[in-house]
Amino acid sequence: MKIHVLLASMLSLLLAGCSDSEDKPMPVENTVYGTQLKAIDKARGVEETINQSAKERDKLIKNQGG
């Protein structure tokens, strides 16, 4: 029984390793995670805007003597 499992697993590895097709990875945008990555990128953009606004506000406060 053990020899059959070993032979079957070796055969499947050989067949999978000898595949002629060149599988290219799918672009991330076309996967389930694509929308999540877009949301993260958008959040990073919002974060940058908020940080820039905070810097400007701090600069105004500092210039007003506060």
N, C-alpha and C. Protein backbone atom coordinates (compact mmCIF):
# COMPACT_ATOMS: atom_id res chain seq x y z
N MET A 1 0.82 -1.20 0.00
CA MET A 1 0.00 0.00 0.00
C MET A 1 0.87 1.27 0.00
N LYS A 2 1.91 1.27 0.82
CA LYS A 2 2.78 2.44 0.91
C LYS A 2 3.51 2.69 -0.40
N ILE A 3 3.86 1.62 -1.09
CA ILE A 3 4.58 1.77 -2.35
C ILE A 3 3.68 2.39 -3.41
N HIS A 4 2.40 2.09 -3.37
CA HIS A 4 1.46 2.67 -4.33
C HIS A 4 1.31 4.17 -4.12
N VAL A 5 1.25 4.58 -2.88
CA VAL A 5 1.14 6.01 -2.56
C VAL A 5 2.41 6.73 -3.00
N LEU A 6 3.56 6.12 -2.75
CA LEU A 6 4.82 6.71 -3.14
C LEU A 6 4.92 6.83 -4.66
N LEU A 7 4.56 5.78 -5.37
CA LEU A 7 4.61 5.82 -6.83
C LEU A 7 3.63 6.84 -7.40
N ALA A 8 2.44 6.91 -6.83
CA ALA A 8 1.45 7.87 -7.32
C ALA A 8 1.91 9.30 -7.09
N SER A 9 2.50 9.56 -5.93
CA SER A 9 2.95 10.92 -5.65
C SER A 9 4.15 11.28 -6.54
N MET A 10 5.04 10.34 -6.78
CA MET A 10 6.18 10.62 -7.67
C MET A 10 5.71 10.87 -9.10
N LEU A 11 4.75 10.08 -9.55
CA LEU A 11 4.22 10.26 -10.90
C LEU A 11 3.55 11.62 -11.05
N SER A 12 2.78 12.02 -10.04
CA SER A 12 2.11 13.32 -10.13
C SER A 12 3.12 14.47 -10.12
N LEU A 13 4.20 14.32 -9.35
CA LEU A 13 5.24 15.36 -9.34
C LEU A 13 5.94 15.44 -10.69
N LEU A 14 6.23 14.30 -11.29
CA LEU A 14 6.88 14.30 -12.59
C LEU A 14 5.99 14.92 -13.66
N LEU A 15 4.71 14.58 -13.63
CA LEU A 15 3.80 15.13 -14.63
C LEU A 15 3.62 16.64 -14.46
N ALA A 16 3.55 17.09 -13.23
CA ALA A 16 3.39 18.52 -12.98
C ALA A 16 4.65 19.28 -13.33
N GLY A 17 5.79 18.68 -13.12
CA GLY A 17 7.06 19.33 -13.40
C GLY A 17 7.38 19.42 -14.88
N CYS A 18 6.78 18.58 -15.69
CA CYS A 18 7.08 18.54 -17.12
C CYS A 18 6.03 19.28 -17.95
N SER A 19 5.30 20.14 -17.35
CA SER A 19 4.26 20.87 -18.05
C SER A 19 4.88 21.83 -19.07
N ASP A 20 4.30 21.88 -20.28
CA ASP A 20 4.81 22.76 -21.33
C ASP A 20 4.25 24.18 -21.23
N SER A 21 3.12 24.33 -20.60
CA SER A 21 2.49 25.65 -20.56
C SER A 21 3.27 26.57 -19.62
N GLU A 22 3.39 27.80 -20.05
CA GLU A 22 4.06 28.81 -19.24
C GLU A 22 2.99 29.62 -18.53
N ASP A 23 2.69 29.24 -17.30
CA ASP A 23 1.66 29.93 -16.54
C ASP A 23 2.23 31.22 -16.00
N LYS A 24 1.67 32.31 -16.46
CA LYS A 24 2.06 33.62 -15.96
C LYS A 24 1.12 33.96 -14.81
N PRO A 25 1.65 34.57 -13.77
CA PRO A 25 0.77 34.94 -12.66
C PRO A 25 -0.25 35.98 -13.10
N MET A 26 -1.44 35.85 -12.56
CA MET A 26 -2.51 36.78 -12.87
C MET A 26 -2.22 38.13 -12.22
N PRO A 27 -2.47 39.23 -12.93
CA PRO A 27 -2.27 40.53 -12.29
C PRO A 27 -3.13 40.66 -11.04
N VAL A 28 -2.59 41.32 -10.05
CA VAL A 28 -3.29 41.43 -8.77
C VAL A 28 -4.63 42.13 -8.93
N GLU A 29 -4.72 43.04 -9.89
CA GLU A 29 -5.98 43.77 -10.09
C GLU A 29 -7.11 42.82 -10.48
N ASN A 30 -6.79 41.69 -11.06
CA ASN A 30 -7.82 40.75 -11.52
C ASN A 30 -8.12 39.66 -10.50
N THR A 31 -7.62 39.79 -9.30
CA THR A 31 -7.86 38.78 -8.27
C THR A 31 -8.83 39.32 -7.23
N VAL A 32 -9.11 38.49 -6.26
CA VAL A 32 -10.01 38.88 -5.18
C VAL A 32 -9.44 40.05 -4.40
N TYR A 33 -8.12 40.14 -4.33
CA TYR A 33 -7.47 41.17 -3.53
C TYR A 33 -7.36 42.50 -4.26
N GLY A 34 -7.73 42.57 -5.51
CA GLY A 34 -7.60 43.79 -6.29
C GLY A 34 -8.34 44.96 -5.69
N THR A 35 -9.59 44.74 -5.30
CA THR A 35 -10.38 45.84 -4.73
C THR A 35 -9.83 46.26 -3.37
N GLN A 36 -9.32 45.29 -2.61
CA GLN A 36 -8.74 45.63 -1.31
C GLN A 36 -7.48 46.46 -1.48
N LEU A 37 -6.67 46.12 -2.46
CA LEU A 37 -5.45 46.89 -2.69
C LEU A 37 -5.77 48.30 -3.18
N LYS A 38 -6.82 48.44 -3.98
CA LYS A 38 -7.23 49.78 -4.41
C LYS A 38 -7.68 50.61 -3.21
N ALA A 39 -8.40 49.99 -2.29
CA ALA A 39 -8.86 50.70 -1.10
C ALA A 39 -7.68 51.13 -0.23
N ILE A 40 -6.68 50.27 -0.12
CA ILE A 40 -5.49 50.61 0.67
C ILE A 40 -4.74 51.77 0.03
N ASP A 41 -4.60 51.73 -1.29
CA ASP A 41 -3.92 52.83 -1.98
C ASP A 41 -4.68 54.14 -1.81
N LYS A 42 -6.00 54.08 -1.87
CA LYS A 42 -6.81 55.27 -1.68
C LYS A 42 -6.64 55.81 -0.26
N ALA A 43 -6.60 54.91 0.71
CA ALA A 43 -6.42 55.32 2.11
C ALA A 43 -5.06 55.97 2.30
N ARG A 44 -4.05 55.47 1.63
CA ARG A 44 -2.72 56.09 1.73
C ARG A 44 -2.74 57.50 1.16
N GLY A 45 -3.49 57.69 0.08
CA GLY A 45 -3.62 59.02 -0.49
C GLY A 45 -4.32 59.97 0.45
N VAL A 46 -5.37 59.49 1.10
CA VAL A 46 -6.09 60.31 2.07
C VAL A 46 -5.19 60.64 3.25
N GLU A 47 -4.41 59.65 3.69
CA GLU A 47 -3.50 59.88 4.80
C GLU A 47 -2.48 60.97 4.46
N GLU A 48 -1.98 60.95 3.26
CA GLU A 48 -1.02 61.96 2.82
C GLU A 48 -1.66 63.34 2.83
N THR A 49 -2.90 63.43 2.36
CA THR A 49 -3.62 64.70 2.35
C THR A 49 -3.83 65.22 3.77
N ILE A 50 -4.19 64.34 4.67
CA ILE A 50 -4.42 64.73 6.06
C ILE A 50 -3.11 65.19 6.71
N ASN A 51 -2.04 64.46 6.44
CA ASN A 51 -0.74 64.85 7.01
C ASN A 51 -0.29 66.21 6.48
N GLN A 52 -0.50 66.46 5.21
CA GLN A 52 -0.13 67.75 4.63
C GLN A 52 -0.96 68.88 5.25
N SER A 53 -2.25 68.62 5.44
CA SER A 53 -3.12 69.62 6.07
C SER A 53 -2.68 69.90 7.50
N ALA A 54 -2.30 68.86 8.22
CA ALA A 54 -1.85 69.04 9.60
C ALA A 54 -0.56 69.86 9.64
N LYS A 55 0.35 69.61 8.71
CA LYS A 55 1.59 70.39 8.66
C LYS A 55 1.30 71.86 8.39
N GLU A 56 0.39 72.12 7.46
CA GLU A 56 0.03 73.51 7.15
C GLU A 56 -0.63 74.18 8.35
N ARG A 57 -1.49 73.46 9.04
CA ARG A 57 -2.18 74.01 10.21
C ARG A 57 -1.17 74.31 11.32
N ASP A 58 -0.23 73.37 11.55
CA ASP A 58 0.80 73.60 12.57
C ASP A 58 1.67 74.80 12.22
N LYS A 59 1.97 74.95 10.93
CA LYS A 59 2.78 76.08 10.49
C LYS A 59 2.04 77.39 10.73
N LEU A 60 0.73 77.42 10.45
CA LEU A 60 -0.06 78.63 10.69
C LEU A 60 -0.11 78.96 12.18
N ILE A 61 -0.29 77.96 13.00
CA ILE A 61 -0.35 78.18 14.44
C ILE A 61 1.00 78.72 14.95
N LYS A 62 2.08 78.15 14.45
CA LYS A 62 3.41 78.58 14.86
C LYS A 62 3.68 80.03 14.43
N ASN A 63 3.21 80.38 13.21
CA ASN A 63 3.42 81.74 12.70
C ASN A 63 2.57 82.75 13.45
N GLN A 64 1.48 82.33 14.05
CA GLN A 64 0.61 83.24 14.80
C GLN A 64 1.06 83.37 16.25
N GLY A 65 2.14 82.70 16.58
CA GLY A 65 2.69 82.83 17.91
C GLY A 65 2.11 81.84 18.91
N GLY A 66 1.49 80.80 18.44
CA GLY A 66 0.85 79.86 19.36
C GLY A 66 1.64 78.70 19.67
